[in-house]
Protein backbone atom coordinates (compact mmCIF):
# COMPACT_ATOMS: atom_id res chain seq x y z
CA UNK A 1 9.99 -10.31 -4.01
CA UNK A 2 10.08 -8.96 -0.33
CA UNK A 3 13.41 -8.17 1.71
CA UNK A 4 12.70 -8.47 5.23
CA UNK A 5 15.17 -6.94 7.85
CA UNK A 6 14.62 -9.11 10.89
CA UNK A 7 16.44 -6.50 13.15
CA UNK A 8 17.53 -8.45 16.77
CA UNK A 9 16.51 -6.85 20.27
CA UNK A 10 19.55 -5.69 21.39
CA UNK A 11 18.55 -5.86 24.87
CA UNK A 12 18.27 -9.77 24.65
CA UNK A 13 21.06 -12.06 24.27
CA UNK A 14 20.91 -15.17 21.90
CA UNK A 15 19.58 -17.56 24.39
CA UNK A 16 16.58 -15.31 25.14
CA UNK A 17 15.95 -14.56 21.01
CA UNK A 18 16.12 -18.44 20.71
CA UNK A 19 13.52 -19.00 23.49
CA UNK A 20 11.17 -16.18 21.92
CA UNK A 21 11.42 -17.74 18.48
CA UNK A 22 10.91 -21.42 19.48
CA UNK A 23 8.13 -20.08 21.91
CA UNK A 24 6.37 -18.28 18.76
CA UNK A 25 6.80 -21.50 16.15
CA UNK A 26 9.37 -19.20 14.31
CA UNK A 27 10.82 -22.63 12.43
CA UNK A 28 7.31 -23.77 11.96
CA UNK A 29 5.74 -20.80 10.60
CA UNK A 30 8.20 -18.42 8.78
CA UNK A 31 8.31 -17.80 5.85
CA UNK A 32 4.94 -19.26 5.00
CA UNK A 33 4.91 -22.35 2.30
CA UNK A 34 3.89 -20.04 -0.15
CA UNK A 35 7.16 -17.84 -0.25
CA UNK A 36 10.00 -19.13 -1.81
CA UNK A 37 13.43 -18.00 0.12
CA UNK A 38 15.74 -16.41 -2.41
CA UNK A 39 18.36 -15.60 0.19
CA UNK A 40 19.05 -15.52 4.12
CA UNK A 41 21.88 -13.84 5.66
CA UNK A 42 22.82 -12.93 8.99
CA UNK A 43 23.92 -9.43 8.78
CA UNK A 44 26.57 -8.60 12.15
CA UNK A 45 24.96 -5.74 14.40
CA UNK A 46 21.40 -5.93 12.73
CA UNK A 47 19.97 -9.23 12.38
CA UNK A 48 18.87 -11.73 9.68
CA UNK A 49 17.91 -10.21 6.13
CA UNK A 50 15.62 -12.70 4.19
CA UNK A 51 14.71 -11.94 0.72
CA UNK A 52 11.35 -14.13 -0.74
CA UNK A 53 9.61 -14.48 -3.82
CA UNK A 54 5.95 -14.42 -2.90
CA UNK A 55 2.84 -13.91 -4.92
CA UNK A 56 1.15 -10.49 -4.04
CA UNK A 57 -2.06 -12.83 -3.10
CA UNK A 58 0.03 -14.07 -0.44
CA UNK A 59 1.34 -10.76 0.81
CA UNK A 60 -1.57 -11.27 3.67
CA UNK A 61 -0.14 -14.45 4.68
CA UNK A 62 3.49 -13.15 4.87
CA UNK A 63 2.41 -10.49 7.21
CA UNK A 64 0.54 -13.16 9.63
CA UNK A 65 3.26 -15.34 9.64
CA UNK A 66 5.56 -12.70 10.64
CA UNK A 67 2.90 -11.37 13.36
CA UNK A 68 2.73 -14.57 14.86
CA UNK A 69 6.38 -16.01 14.86
CA UNK A 70 8.91 -13.27 14.88
CA UNK A 71 7.47 -10.57 17.09
CA UNK A 72 9.35 -10.21 20.64
CA UNK A 73 12.74 -11.55 19.33
CA UNK A 74 12.58 -9.07 16.30
CA UNK A 75 11.58 -5.91 15.06
CA UNK A 76 11.07 -5.96 11.24
CA UNK A 77 11.37 -3.97 8.28
CA UNK A 78 9.89 -4.75 4.84
CA UNK A 79 11.21 -3.79 1.53
CA UNK A 80 9.70 -4.77 -1.96
CA UNK A 81 12.76 -5.70 -4.25
CA UNK A 82 13.20 -7.07 -7.87
CA UNK A 83 16.17 -8.61 -9.54
CA UNK A 84 17.78 -5.79 -11.85
CA UNK A 85 20.75 -7.80 -12.86
CA UNK A 86 18.95 -9.63 -16.00
CA UNK A 87 18.01 -5.77 -17.25
CA UNK A 88 21.56 -5.05 -16.39
CA UNK A 89 23.21 -7.54 -18.71
CA UNK A 90 20.37 -6.96 -21.39
CA UNK A 91 21.92 -3.32 -21.35
CA UNK A 92 25.35 -4.34 -21.39
CA UNK A 93 24.76 -6.81 -24.42
CA UNK A 94 23.14 -4.02 -26.45
CA UNK A 95 26.04 -1.76 -25.69
CA UNK A 96 28.62 -4.41 -26.96
CA UNK A 97 26.93 -4.57 -30.52
């Protein structure tokens, strides 16, 4: 999984951001078809935070999707992520025995 911060450019208003995204084909191109969206939140003061599950072999397509569709409206940060919760539950169950 990978978490992507799409940080709004603070020098643009919402209408300008929408216009850039529409011109770039944001809705059609992001995320790529090979990515499964796990969560997509708006973080006030930041922008959008999207976590996708994607095969490692498709990482290049994710990068191209970002380059083609979000630049101009957002700056981006990428964070590899993984689901720790199953391990937490497993460890908790071991402690309860």
